[in-house]
Amino acid sequence: VQLQASGGGLVQPGGSLRLSCAASGFTLDYYAIGWFRQAPGKEREWVSFIRRSDGITYYADSVKGRFTISRDSAKNTVYLQMDNLKVEDTAIYYCAARFELQTEYNYWGQGTQVTVSS
């Protein structure tokens, strides 16, 4: 049972990246999925969330209008499309899965580095 986050890299301000969160050993459709990030010297912060039951999405104010979370059930993957990236988006990004009515996450991915720099 594993979550694998990928797709990070180095991008210039204003650029885009798409992060992937792929599951092995379980089906992501049964879980609500969250994306989090942690910048150097800062605490981990929540970025985005997609519900299992109805696909409703939520975003932190800092990324609203720039990031989009989505599911691809056929690929057992959740994506985080990040557009108009800013230097302050630089962080390690993690995905996590939990049952919708829980508050604690059952599974965490290993993180993928996103660096926004000119």
PDB file of N, CA and C in Angstrom:
ATOM      1  N   VAL A   1       0.857  -1.179   0.000  1.00  0.00           N
ATOM      2  CA  VAL A   1       0.000   0.000   0.000  1.00  0.00           C
ATOM      3  C   VAL A   1       0.902   1.240   0.000  1.00  0.00           C
ATOM      4  N   GLN A   2       0.750   2.047  -1.025  1.00  0.00           N
ATOM      5  CA  GLN A   2       1.684   3.160  -1.174  1.00  0.00           C
ATOM      6  C   GLN A   2       1.061   4.301  -1.962  1.00  0.00           C
ATOM      7  N   LEU A   3       1.445   5.537  -1.570  1.00  0.00           N
ATOM      8  CA  LEU A   3       1.128   6.716  -2.353  1.00  0.00           C
ATOM      9  C   LEU A   3       2.437   7.269  -2.894  1.00  0.00           C
ATOM     10  N   GLN A   4       2.433   7.619  -4.150  1.00  0.00           N
ATOM     11  CA  GLN A   4       3.640   8.142  -4.784  1.00  0.00           C
ATOM     12  C   GLN A   4       3.335   9.505  -5.389  1.00  0.00           C
ATOM     13  N   ALA A   5       3.973  10.535  -4.849  1.00  0.00           N
ATOM     14  CA  ALA A   5       3.834  11.875  -5.411  1.00  0.00           C
ATOM     15  C   ALA A   5       4.978  12.122  -6.379  1.00  0.00           C
ATOM     16  N   SER A   6       4.666  12.740  -7.498  1.00  0.00           N
ATOM     17  CA  SER A   6       5.689  13.025  -8.498  1.00  0.00           C
ATOM     18  C   SER A   6       5.296  14.250  -9.302  1.00  0.00           C
ATOM     19  N   GLY A   7       6.223  14.700 -10.151  1.00  0.00           N
ATOM     20  CA  GLY A   7       5.929  15.811 -11.042  1.00  0.00           C
ATOM     21  C   GLY A   7       6.558  17.122 -10.645  1.00  0.00           C
ATOM     22  N   GLY A   8       7.244  17.150  -9.530  1.00  0.00           N
ATOM     23  CA  GLY A   8       7.891  18.378  -9.118  1.00  0.00           C
ATOM     24  C   GLY A   8       9.074  18.718 -10.005  1.00  0.00           C
ATOM     25  N   GLY A   9       9.624  19.907  -9.794  1.00  0.00           N
ATOM     26  CA  GLY A   9      10.772  20.332 -10.571  1.00  0.00           C
ATOM     27  C   GLY A   9      11.048  21.803 -10.364  1.00  0.00           C
ATOM     28  N   LEU A  10      11.903  22.320 -11.232  1.00  0.00           N
ATOM     29  CA  LEU A  10      12.283  23.736 -11.204  1.00  0.00           C
ATOM     30  C   LEU A  10      11.524  24.467 -12.303  1.00  0.00           C
ATOM     31  N   VAL A  11      10.877  25.550 -11.946  1.00  0.00           N
ATOM     32  CA  VAL A  11      10.095  26.310 -12.915  1.00  0.00           C
ATOM     33  C   VAL A  11      10.245  27.795 -12.609  1.00  0.00           C
ATOM     34  N   GLN A  12      10.133  28.607 -13.642  1.00  0.00           N
ATOM     35  CA  GLN A  12      10.227  30.052 -13.458  1.00  0.00           C
ATOM     36  C   GLN A  12       8.905  30.611 -12.935  1.00  0.00           C
ATOM     37  N   PRO A  13       8.952  31.748 -12.254  1.00  0.00           N
ATOM     38  CA  PRO A  13       7.688  32.382 -11.832  1.00  0.00           C
ATOM     39  C   PRO A  13       6.762  32.579 -13.018  1.00  0.00           C
ATOM     40  N   GLY A  14       5.487  32.297 -12.785  1.00  0.00           N
ATOM     41  CA  GLY A  14       4.511  32.362 -13.859  1.00  0.00           C
ATOM     42  C   GLY A  14       4.328  31.056 -14.604  1.00  0.00           C
ATOM     43  N   GLY A  15       5.201  30.106 -14.357  1.00  0.00           N
ATOM     44  CA  GLY A  15       5.125  28.824 -15.041  1.00  0.00           C
ATOM     45  C   GLY A  15       4.123  27.874 -14.409  1.00  0.00           C
ATOM     46  N   SER A  16       4.082  26.657 -14.945  1.00  0.00           N
ATOM     47  CA  SER A  16       3.118  25.646 -14.501  1.00  0.00           C
ATOM     48  C   SER A  16       3.800  24.315 -14.258  1.00  0.00           C
ATOM     49  N   LEU A  17       3.218  23.554 -13.365  1.00  0.00           N
ATOM     50  CA  LEU A  17       3.606  22.165 -13.131  1.00  0.00           C
ATOM     51  C   LEU A  17       2.343  21.381 -12.811  1.00  0.00           C
ATOM     52  N   ARG A  18       2.377  20.095 -13.111  1.00  0.00           N
ATOM     53  CA  ARG A  18       1.292  19.218 -12.690  1.00  0.00           C
ATOM     54  C   ARG A  18       1.859  18.110 -11.824  1.00  0.00           C
ATOM     55  N   LEU A  19       1.421  18.074 -10.598  1.00  0.00           N
ATOM     56  CA  LEU A  19       1.834  17.026  -9.681  1.00  0.00           C
ATOM     57  C   LEU A  19       0.866  15.851  -9.777  1.00  0.00           C
ATOM     58  N   SER A  20       1.402  14.664  -9.613  1.00  0.00           N
ATOM     59  CA  SER A  20       0.591  13.452  -9.623  1.00  0.00           C
ATOM     60  C   SER A  20       0.713  12.744  -8.283  1.00  0.00           C
ATOM     61  N   CYS A  21      -0.377  12.134  -7.872  1.00  0.00           N
ATOM     62  CA  CYS A  21      -0.403  11.326  -6.658  1.00  0.00           C
ATOM     63  C   CYS A  21      -1.002   9.983  -7.057  1.00  0.00           C
ATOM     64  N   ALA A  22      -0.149   8.998  -7.222  1.00  0.00           N
ATOM     65  CA  ALA A  22      -0.584   7.682  -7.679  1.00  0.00           C
ATOM     66  C   ALA A  22      -0.601   6.693  -6.527  1.00  0.00           C
ATOM     67  N   ALA A  23      -1.614   5.855  -6.516  1.00  0.00           N
ATOM     68  CA  ALA A  23      -1.751   4.860  -5.451  1.00  0.00           C
ATOM     69  C   ALA A  23      -1.456   3.464  -5.971  1.00  0.00           C
ATOM     70  N   SER A  24      -0.837   2.672  -5.138  1.00  0.00           N
ATOM     71  CA  SER A  24      -0.663   1.246  -5.435  1.00  0.00           C
ATOM     72  C   SER A  24      -1.111   0.461  -4.219  1.00  0.00           C
ATOM     73  N   GLY A  25      -1.849  -0.599  -4.476  1.00  0.00           N
ATOM     74  CA  GLY A  25      -2.327  -1.434  -3.385  1.00  0.00           C
ATOM     75  C   GLY A  25      -3.676  -1.035  -2.816  1.00  0.00           C
ATOM     76  N   PHE A  26      -4.223   0.086  -3.265  1.00  0.00           N
ATOM     77  CA  PHE A  26      -5.562   0.476  -2.846  1.00  0.00           C
ATOM     78  C   PHE A  26      -6.129   1.444  -3.881  1.00  0.00           C
ATOM     79  N   THR A  27      -7.442   1.671  -3.782  1.00  0.00           N
ATOM     80  CA  THR A  27      -8.140   2.482  -4.778  1.00  0.00           C
ATOM     81  C   THR A  27      -8.393   3.876  -4.224  1.00  0.00           C
ATOM     82  N   LEU A  28      -7.857   4.871  -4.920  1.00  0.00           N
ATOM     83  CA  LEU A  28      -8.000   6.245  -4.441  1.00  0.00           C
ATOM     84  C   LEU A  28      -9.443   6.729  -4.443  1.00  0.00           C
ATOM     85  N   ASP A  29     -10.287   6.144  -5.271  1.00  0.00           N
ATOM     86  CA  ASP A  29     -11.685   6.577  -5.340  1.00  0.00           C
ATOM     87  C   ASP A  29     -12.406   6.399  -4.004  1.00  0.00           C
ATOM     88  N   TYR A  30     -11.888   5.548  -3.142  1.00  0.00           N
ATOM     89  CA  TYR A  30     -12.529   5.319  -1.852  1.00  0.00           C
ATOM     90  C   TYR A  30     -12.112   6.343  -0.796  1.00  0.00           C
ATOM     91  N   TYR A  31     -11.245   7.257  -1.172  1.00  0.00           N
ATOM     92  CA  TYR A  31     -10.658   8.179  -0.208  1.00  0.00           C
ATOM     93  C   TYR A  31     -10.807   9.632  -0.638  1.00  0.00           C
ATOM     94  N   ALA A  32     -10.870  10.490   0.364  1.00  0.00           N
ATOM     95  CA  ALA A  32     -10.665  11.909   0.127  1.00  0.00           C
ATOM     96  C   ALA A  32      -9.156  12.152   0.077  1.00  0.00           C
ATOM     97  N   ILE A  33      -8.745  13.075  -0.772  1.00  0.00           N
ATOM     98  CA  ILE A  33      -7.315  13.306  -0.988  1.00  0.00           C
ATOM     99  C   ILE A  33      -6.965  14.754  -0.680  1.00  0.00           C
ATOM    100  N   GLY A  34      -5.879  14.906   0.027  1.00  0.00           N
ATOM    101  CA  GLY A  34      -5.380  16.243   0.318  1.00  0.00           C
ATOM    102  C   GLY A  34      -3.979  16.427  -0.222  1.00  0.00           C
ATOM    103  N   TRP A  35      -3.675  17.655  -0.599  1.00  0.00           N
ATOM    104  CA  TRP A  35      -2.307  18.046  -0.933  1.00  0.00           C
ATOM    105  C   TRP A  35      -1.830  19.017   0.146  1.00  0.00           C
ATOM    106  N   PHE A  36      -0.598  18.844   0.538  1.00  0.00           N
ATOM    107  CA  PHE A  36       0.031  19.683   1.552  1.00  0.00           C
ATOM    108  C   PHE A  36       1.400  20.110   1.029  1.00  0.00           C
ATOM    109  N   ARG A  37       1.970  21.110   1.652  1.00  0.00           N
ATOM    110  CA  ARG A  37       3.328  21.499   1.296  1.00  0.00           C
ATOM    111  C   ARG A  37       4.072  21.984   2.528  1.00  0.00           C
ATOM    112  N   GLN A  38       5.391  21.869   2.439  1.00  0.00           N
ATOM    113  CA  GLN A  38       6.229  22.345   3.528  1.00  0.00           C
ATOM    114  C   GLN A  38       7.440  23.045   2.937  1.00  0.00           C
ATOM    115  N   ALA A  39       7.545  24.316   3.220  1.00  0.00           N
ATOM    116  CA  ALA A  39       8.680  25.111   2.767  1.00  0.00           C
ATOM    117  C   ALA A  39       9.791  25.043   3.815  1.00  0.00           C
ATOM    118  N   PRO A  40      11.028  25.295   3.423  1.00  0.00           N
ATOM    119  CA  PRO A  40      12.138  25.251   4.382  1.00  0.00           C
ATOM    120  C   PRO A  40      11.903  26.182   5.563  1.00  0.00           C
ATOM    121  N   GLY A  41      12.041  25.634   6.754  1.00  0.00           N
ATOM    122  CA  GLY A  41      11.893  26.436   7.956  1.00  0.00           C
ATOM    123  C   GLY A  41      10.466  26.753   8.345  1.00  0.00           C
ATOM    124  N   LYS A  42       9.517  26.189   7.612  1.00  0.00           N
ATOM    125  CA  LYS A  42       8.108  26.466   7.914  1.00  0.00           C
ATOM    126  C   LYS A  42       7.371  25.184   8.238  1.00  0.00           C
ATOM    127  N   GLU A  43       6.217  25.338   8.852  1.00  0.00           N
ATOM    128  CA  GLU A  43       5.394  24.175   9.151  1.00  0.00           C
ATOM    129  C   GLU A  43       4.656  23.721   7.886  1.00  0.00           C
ATOM    130  N   ARG A  44       4.284  22.460   7.894  1.00  0.00           N
ATOM    131  CA  ARG A  44       3.493  21.944   6.778  1.00  0.00           C
ATOM    132  C   ARG A  44       2.149  22.663   6.739  1.00  0.00           C
ATOM    133  N   GLU A  45       1.706  23.008   5.536  1.00  0.00           N
ATOM    134  CA  GLU A  45       0.419  23.670   5.388  1.00  0.00           C
ATOM    135  C   GLU A  45      -0.440  22.925   4.376  1.00  0.00           C
ATOM    136  N   TRP A  46      -1.715  22.992   4.613  1.00  0.00           N
ATOM    137  CA  TRP A  46      -2.681  22.373   3.701  1.00  0.00           C
ATOM    138  C   TRP A  46      -2.817  23.240   2.465  1.00  0.00           C
ATOM    139  N   VAL A  47      -2.950  22.597   1.300  1.00  0.00           N
ATOM    140  CA  VAL A  47      -3.032  23.308   0.024  1.00  0.00           C
ATOM    141  C   VAL A  47      -4.388  23.101  -0.653  1.00  0.00           C
ATOM    142  N   SER A  48      -4.821  21.830  -0.735  1.00  0.00           N
ATOM    143  CA  SER A  48      -6.031  21.550  -1.498  1.00  0.00           C
ATOM    144  C   SER A  48      -6.607  20.221  -1.043  1.00  0.00           C
ATOM    145  N   PHE A  49      -7.898  20.007  -1.360  1.00  0.00           N
ATOM    146  CA  PHE A  49      -8.605  18.813  -0.907  1.00  0.00           C
ATOM    147  C   PHE A  49      -9.710  18.492  -1.899  1.00  0.00           C
ATOM    148  N   ILE A  50      -9.891  17.182  -2.154  1.00  0.00           N
ATOM    149  CA  ILE A  50     -11.000  16.760  -2.998  1.00  0.00           C
ATOM    150  C   ILE A  50     -11.769  15.668  -2.262  1.00  0.00           C
ATOM    151  N   ARG A  51     -13.092  15.855  -2.184  1.00  0.00           N
ATOM    152  CA  ARG A  51     -13.911  14.894  -1.456  1.00  0.00           C
ATOM    153  C   ARG A  51     -14.120  13.623  -2.258  1.00  0.00           C
ATOM    154  N   ARG A  52     -14.312  12.525  -1.558  1.00  0.00           N
ATOM    155  CA  ARG A  52     -14.581  11.252  -2.226  1.00  0.00           C
ATOM    156  C   ARG A  52     -16.009  11.206  -2.736  1.00  0.00           C
ATOM    157  N   SER A  53     -16.949  11.663  -1.912  1.00  0.00           N
ATOM    158  CA  SER A  53     -18.363  11.417  -2.172  1.00  0.00           C
ATOM    159  C   SER A  53     -18.883  12.170  -3.394  1.00  0.00           C
ATOM    160  N   ASP A  54     -18.465  13.434  -3.543  1.00  0.00           N
ATOM    161  CA  ASP A  54     -19.061  14.240  -4.608  1.00  0.00           C
ATOM    162  C   ASP A  54     -18.037  15.028  -5.415  1.00  0.00           C
ATOM    163  N   GLY A  55     -16.767  14.822  -5.093  1.00  0.00           N
ATOM    164  CA  GLY A  55     -15.730  15.483  -5.886  1.00  0.00           C
ATOM    165  C   GLY A  55     -15.591  16.967  -5.638  1.00  0.00           C
ATOM    166  N   ILE A  56     -16.260  17.489  -4.622  1.00  0.00           N
ATOM    167  CA  ILE A  56     -16.124  18.917  -4.321  1.00  0.00           C
ATOM    168  C   ILE A  56     -14.687  19.192  -3.905  1.00  0.00           C
ATOM    169  N   THR A  57     -14.189  20.318  -4.339  1.00  0.00           N
ATOM    170  CA  THR A  57     -12.785  20.674  -4.099  1.00  0.00           C
ATOM    171  C   THR A  57     -12.665  21.912  -3.221  1.00  0.00           C
ATOM    172  N   TYR A  58     -11.550  22.005  -2.529  1.00  0.00           N
ATOM    173  CA  TYR A  58     -11.274  23.110  -1.633  1.00  0.00           C
ATOM    174  C   TYR A  58      -9.815  23.538  -1.828  1.00  0.00           C
ATOM    175  N   TYR A  59      -9.569  24.819  -1.602  1.00  0.00           N
ATOM    176  CA  TYR A  59      -8.222  25.348  -1.788  1.00  0.00           C
ATOM    177  C   TYR A  59      -7.879  26.339  -0.688  1.00  0.00           C
ATOM    178  N   ALA A  60      -6.613  26.358  -0.342  1.00  0.00           N
ATOM    179  CA  ALA A  60      -6.116  27.413   0.534  1.00  0.00           C
ATOM    180  C   ALA A  60      -6.201  28.745  -0.212  1.00  0.00           C
ATOM    181  N   ASP A  61      -6.415  29.806   0.520  1.00  0.00           N
ATOM    182  CA  ASP A  61      -6.546  31.123  -0.114  1.00  0.00           C
ATOM    183  C   ASP A  61      -5.309  31.484  -0.940  1.00  0.00           C
ATOM    184  N   SER A  62      -4.157  31.020  -0.492  1.00  0.00           N
ATOM    185  CA  SER A  62      -2.907  31.372  -1.160  1.00  0.00           C
ATOM    186  C   SER A  62      -2.784  30.767  -2.555  1.00  0.00           C
ATOM    187  N   VAL A  63      -3.572  29.728  -2.858  1.00  0.00           N
ATOM    188  CA  VAL A  63      -3.461  29.065  -4.160  1.00  0.00           C
ATOM    189  C   VAL A  63      -4.760  29.119  -4.957  1.00  0.00           C
ATOM    190  N   LYS A  64      -5.809  29.629  -4.354  1.00  0.00           N
ATOM    191  CA  LYS A  64      -7.111  29.648  -5.022  1.00  0.00           C
ATOM    192  C   LYS A  64      -7.026  30.429  -6.324  1.00  0.00           C
ATOM    193  N   GLY A  65      -7.598  29.847  -7.365  1.00  0.00           N
ATOM    194  CA  GLY A  65      -7.560  30.471  -8.675  1.00  0.00           C
ATOM    195  C   GLY A  65      -6.324  30.132  -9.490  1.00  0.00           C
ATOM    196  N   ARG A  66      -5.340  29.510  -8.859  1.00  0.00           N
ATOM    197  CA  ARG A  66      -4.107  29.129  -9.565  1.00  0.00           C
ATOM    198  C   ARG A  66      -3.901  27.621  -9.603  1.00  0.00           C
ATOM    199  N   PHE A  67      -4.365  26.914  -8.585  1.00  0.00           N
ATOM    200  CA  PHE A  67      -4.184  25.464  -8.493  1.00  0.00           C
ATOM    201  C   PHE A  67      -5.528  24.779  -8.720  1.00  0.00           C
ATOM    202  N   THR A  68      -5.460  23.580  -9.309  1.00  0.00           N
ATOM    203  CA  THR A  68      -6.665  22.787  -9.534  1.00  0.00           C
ATOM    204  C   THR A  68      -6.379  21.342  -9.174  1.00  0.00           C
ATOM    205  N   ILE A  69      -7.201  20.784  -8.302  1.00  0.00           N
ATOM    206  CA  ILE A  69      -7.083  19.377  -7.925  1.00  0.00           C
ATOM    207  C   ILE A  69      -8.115  18.575  -8.703  1.00  0.00           C
ATOM    208  N   SER A  70      -7.732  17.375  -9.137  1.00  0.00           N
ATOM    209  CA  SER A  70      -8.657  16.549  -9.921  1.00  0.00           C
ATOM    210  C   SER A  70      -8.290  15.080  -9.755  1.00  0.00           C
ATOM    211  N   ARG A  71      -9.249  14.216 -10.149  1.00  0.00           N
ATOM    212  CA  ARG A  71      -9.044  12.766 -10.083  1.00  0.00           C
ATOM    213  C   ARG A  71      -9.087  12.165 -11.483  1.00  0.00           C
ATOM    214  N   ASP A  72      -8.328  11.097 -11.657  1.00  0.00           N
ATOM    215  CA  ASP A  72      -8.470  10.225 -12.820  1.00  0.00           C
ATOM    216  C   ASP A  72      -8.631   8.819 -12.270  1.00  0.00           C
ATOM    217  N   SER A  73      -9.874   8.368 -12.183  1.00  0.00           N
ATOM    218  CA  SER A  73     -10.141   7.067 -11.584  1.00  0.00           C
ATOM    219  C   SER A  73      -9.498   5.929 -12.367  1.00  0.00           C
ATOM    220  N   ALA A  74      -9.485   6.053 -13.675  1.00  0.00           N
ATOM    221  CA  ALA A  74      -8.913   4.989 -14.512  1.00  0.00           C
ATOM    222  C   ALA A  74      -7.428   4.797 -14.226  1.00  0.00           C
ATOM    223  N   LYS A  75      -6.756   5.887 -13.855  1.00  0.00           N
ATOM    224  CA  LYS A  75      -5.322   5.806 -13.574  1.00  0.00           C
ATOM    225  C   LYS A  75      -5.039   5.729 -12.078  1.00  0.00           C
ATOM    226  N   ASN A  76      -6.104   5.718 -11.267  1.00  0.00           N
ATOM    227  CA  ASN A  76      -5.935   5.651  -9.814  1.00  0.00           C
ATOM    228  C   ASN A  76      -4.975   6.752  -9.332  1.00  0.00           C
ATOM    229  N   THR A  77      -5.216   7.933  -9.847  1.00  0.00           N
ATOM    230  CA  THR A  77      -4.294   9.055  -9.619  1.00  0.00           C
ATOM    231  C   THR A  77      -5.082  10.339  -9.347  1.00  0.00           C
ATOM    232  N   VAL A  78      -4.535  11.157  -8.482  1.00  0.00           N
ATOM    233  CA  VAL A  78      -5.056  12.500  -8.252  1.00  0.00           C
ATOM    234  C   VAL A  78      -3.988  13.492  -8.686  1.00  0.00           C
ATOM    235  N   TYR A  79      -4.422  14.567  -9.310  1.00  0.00           N
ATOM    236  CA  TYR A  79      -3.485  15.563  -9.827  1.00  0.00           C
ATOM    237  C   TYR A  79      -3.638  16.887  -9.100  1.00  0.00           C
ATOM    238  N   LEU A  80      -2.566  17.645  -9.106  1.00  0.00           N
ATOM    239  CA  LEU A  80      -2.618  19.037  -8.678  1.00  0.00           C
ATOM    240  C   LEU A  80      -1.978  19.863  -9.787  1.00  0.00           C
ATOM    241  N   GLN A  81      -2.824  20.517 -10.558  1.00  0.00           N
ATOM    242  CA  GLN A  81      -2.345  21.400 -11.610  1.00  0.00           C
ATOM    243  C   GLN A  81      -2.031  22.753 -10.985  1.00  0.00           C
ATOM    244  N   MET A  82      -0.803  23.194 -11.164  1.00  0.00           N
ATOM    245  CA  MET A  82      -0.356  24.439 -10.543  1.00  0.00           C
ATOM    246  C   MET A  82       0.032  25.417 -11.643  1.00  0.00           C
ATOM    247  N   ASP A  83      -0.696  26.487 -11.761  1.00  0.00           N
ATOM    248  CA  ASP A  83      -0.445  27.517 -12.772  1.00  0.00           C
ATOM    249  C   ASP A  83      -0.048  28.827 -12.105  1.00  0.00           C
ATOM    250  N   ASN A  84       0.565  29.691 -12.901  1.00  0.00           N
ATOM    251  CA  ASN A  84       0.982  31.006 -12.405  1.00  0.00           C
ATOM    252  C   ASN A  84       1.758  30.867 -11.091  1.00  0.00           C
ATOM    253  N   LEU A  85       2.723  29.994 -11.113  1.00  0.00           N
ATOM    254  CA  LEU A  85       3.480  29.697  -9.899  1.00  0.00           C
ATOM    255  C   LEU A  85       4.276  30.921  -9.432  1.00  0.00           C
ATOM    256  N   LYS A  86       4.392  31.021  -8.132  1.00  0.00           N
ATOM    257  CA  LYS A  86       5.099  32.123  -7.499  1.00  0.00           C
ATOM    258  C   LYS A  86       6.281  31.577  -6.690  1.00  0.00           C
ATOM    259  N   VAL A  87       7.233  32.439  -6.426  1.00  0.00           N
ATOM    260  CA  VAL A  87       8.396  32.018  -5.654  1.00  0.00           C
ATOM    261  C   VAL A  87       7.974  31.411  -4.316  1.00  0.00           C
ATOM    262  N   GLU A  88       6.936  31.971  -3.726  1.00  0.00           N
ATOM    263  CA  GLU A  88       6.481  31.489  -2.425  1.00  0.00           C
ATOM    264  C   GLU A  88       5.784  30.136  -2.483  1.00  0.00           C
ATOM    265  N   ASP A  89       5.586  29.591  -3.671  1.00  0.00           N
ATOM    266  CA  ASP A  89       5.053  28.230  -3.800  1.00  0.00           C
ATOM    267  C   ASP A  89       6.149  27.185  -3.645  1.00  0.00           C
ATOM    268  N   THR A  90       7.384  27.616  -3.566  1.00  0.00           N
ATOM    269  CA  THR A  90       8.499  26.679  -3.415  1.00  0.00           C
ATOM    270  C   THR A  90       8.352  25.889  -2.123  1.00  0.00           C
ATOM    271  N   ALA A  91       8.357  24.569  -2.244  1.00  0.00           N
ATOM    272  CA  ALA A  91       8.148  23.689  -1.085  1.00  0.00           C
ATOM    273  C   ALA A  91       8.232  22.242  -1.543  1.00  0.00           C
ATOM    274  N   ILE A  92       8.242  21.355  -0.574  1.00  0.00           N
ATOM    275  CA  ILE A  92       8.018  19.945  -0.856  1.00  0.00           C
ATOM    276  C   ILE A  92       6.520  19.714  -0.748  1.00  0.00           C
ATOM    277  N   TYR A  93       5.955  19.094  -1.773  1.00  0.00           N
ATOM    278  CA  TYR A  93       4.524  18.859  -1.836  1.00  0.00           C
ATOM    279  C   TYR A  93       4.242  17.387  -1.544  1.00  0.00           C
ATOM    280  N   TYR A  94       3.247  17.172  -0.693  1.00  0.00           N
ATOM    281  CA  TYR A  94       2.851  15.834  -0.292  1.00  0.00           C
ATOM    282  C   TYR A  94       1.370  15.625  -0.598  1.00  0.00           C
ATOM    283  N   CYS A  95       1.041  14.399  -0.991  1.00  0.00           N
ATOM    284  CA  CYS A  95      -0.366  14.039  -1.072  1.00  0.00           C
ATOM    285  C   CYS A  95      -0.671  13.048   0.048  1.00  0.00           C
ATOM    286  N   ALA A  96      -1.929  13.014   0.429  1.00  0.00           N
ATOM    287  CA  ALA A  96      -2.346  12.134   1.513  1.00  0.00           C
ATOM    288  C   ALA A  96      -3.784  11.707   1.283  1.00  0.00           C
ATOM    289  N   ALA A  97      -4.134  10.521   1.788  1.00  0.00           N
ATOM    290  CA  ALA A  97      -5.464   9.965   1.598  1.00  0.00           C
ATOM    291  C   ALA A  97      -6.088   9.639   2.950  1.00  0.00           C
ATOM    292  N   ARG A  98      -7.361   9.934   3.051  1.00  0.00           N
ATOM    293  CA  ARG A  98      -8.089   9.580   4.277  1.00  0.00           C
ATOM    294  C   ARG A  98      -9.541   9.272   3.947  1.00  0.00           C
ATOM    295  N   PHE A  99     -10.178   8.552   4.857  1.00  0.00           N
ATOM    296  CA  PHE A  99     -11.613   8.368   4.748  1.00  0.00           C
ATOM    297  C   PHE A  99     -12.281   9.722   5.004  1.00  0.00           C
ATOM    298  N   GLU A 100     -13.340   9.968   4.294  1.00  0.00           N
ATOM    299  CA  GLU A 100     -13.918  11.304   4.261  1.00  0.00           C
ATOM    300  C   GLU A 100     -14.370  11.785   5.619  1.00  0.00           C
ATOM    301  N   LEU A 101     -14.880  10.904   6.457  1.00  0.00           N
ATOM    302  CA  LEU A 101     -15.418  11.328   7.745  1.00  0.00           C
ATOM    303  C   LEU A 101     -14.356  11.357   8.845  1.00  0.00           C
ATOM    304  N   GLN A 102     -13.147  10.988   8.509  1.00  0.00           N
ATOM    305  CA  GLN A 102     -12.050  11.063   9.467  1.00  0.00           C
ATOM    306  C   GLN A 102     -11.366  12.427   9.347  1.00  0.00           C
ATOM    307  N   THR A 103     -10.565  12.715  10.353  1.00  0.00           N
ATOM    308  CA  THR A 103      -9.734  13.906  10.271  1.00  0.00           C
ATOM    309  C   THR A 103      -8.277  13.540  10.034  1.00  0.00           C
ATOM    310  N   GLU A 104      -7.891  12.351  10.460  1.00  0.00           N
ATOM    311  CA  GLU A 104      -6.511  11.938  10.265  1.00  0.00           C
ATOM    312  C   GLU A 104      -6.359  11.229   8.926  1.00  0.00           C
ATOM    313  N   TYR A 105      -5.189  11.428   8.323  1.00  0.00           N
ATOM    314  CA  TYR A 105      -4.906  10.806   7.036  1.00  0.00           C
ATOM    315  C   TYR A 105      -4.317   9.413   7.253  1.00  0.00           C
ATOM    316  N   ASN A 106      -4.774   8.484   6.419  1.00  0.00           N
ATOM    317  CA  ASN A 106      -4.332   7.094   6.530  1.00  0.00           C
ATOM    318  C   ASN A 106      -3.000   6.868   5.824  1.00  0.00           C
ATOM    319  N   TYR A 107      -2.828   7.516   4.680  1.00  0.00           N
ATOM    320  CA  TYR A 107      -1.646   7.286   3.863  1.00  0.00           C
ATOM    321  C   TYR A 107      -1.050   8.614   3.422  1.00  0.00           C
ATOM    322  N   TRP A 108       0.287   8.650   3.395  1.00  0.00           N
ATOM    323  CA  TRP A 108       1.014   9.826   2.931  1.00  0.00           C
ATOM    324  C   TRP A 108       1.991   9.425   1.829  1.00  0.00           C
ATOM    325  N   GLY A 109       2.112  10.280   0.828  1.00  0.00           N
ATOM    326  CA  GLY A 109       3.146  10.096  -0.177  1.00  0.00           C
ATOM    327  C   GLY A 109       4.476  10.630   0.333  1.00  0.00           C
ATOM    328  N   GLN A 110       5.523  10.384  -0.411  1.00  0.00           N
ATOM    329  CA  GLN A 110       6.860  10.711   0.066  1.00  0.00           C
ATOM    330  C   GLN A 110       7.273  12.152  -0.211  1.00  0.00           C
ATOM    331  N   GLY A 111       6.523  12.878  -0.999  1.00  0.00           N
ATOM    332  CA  GLY A 111       6.832  14.268  -1.277  1.00  0.00           C
ATOM    333  C   GLY A 111       7.585  14.461  -2.578  1.00  0.00           C
ATOM    334  N   THR A 112       7.313  15.589  -3.217  1.00  0.00           N
ATOM    335  CA  THR A 112       8.012  15.953  -4.440  1.00  0.00           C
ATOM    336  C   THR A 112       8.372  17.437  -4.348  1.00  0.00           C
ATOM    337  N   GLN A 113       9.605  17.754  -4.728  1.00  0.00           N
ATOM    338  CA  GLN A 113      10.115  19.119  -4.565  1.00  0.00           C
ATOM    339  C   GLN A 113       9.654  20.006  -5.715  1.00  0.00           C
ATOM    340  N   VAL A 114       9.093  21.153  -5.367  1.00  0.00           N
ATOM    341  CA  VAL A 114       8.744  22.181  -6.342  1.00  0.00           C
ATOM    342  C   VAL A 114       9.567  23.422  -6.014  1.00  0.00           C
ATOM    343  N   THR A 115      10.319  23.887  -6.988  1.00  0.00           N
ATOM    344  CA  THR A 115      11.143  25.084  -6.815  1.00  0.00           C
ATOM    345  C   THR A 115      10.763  26.092  -7.886  1.00  0.00           C
ATOM    346  N   VAL A 116      10.348  27.268  -7.437  1.00  0.00           N
ATOM    347  CA  VAL A 116       9.981  28.337  -8.358  1.00  0.00           C
ATOM    348  C   VAL A 116      11.028  29.439  -8.208  1.00  0.00           C
ATOM    349  N   SER A 117      11.781  29.629  -9.271  1.00  0.00           N
ATOM    350  CA  SER A 117      12.893  30.570  -9.213  1.00  0.00           C
ATOM    351  C   SER A 117      13.245  31.058 -10.601  1.00  0.00           C
ATOM    352  N   SER A 118      13.674  32.293 -10.667  1.00  0.00           N
ATOM    353  CA  SER A 118      14.130  32.840 -11.951  1.00  0.00           C
ATOM    354  C   SER A 118      15.637  32.669 -12.094  1.00  0.00           C
TER     355      SER A 118
END
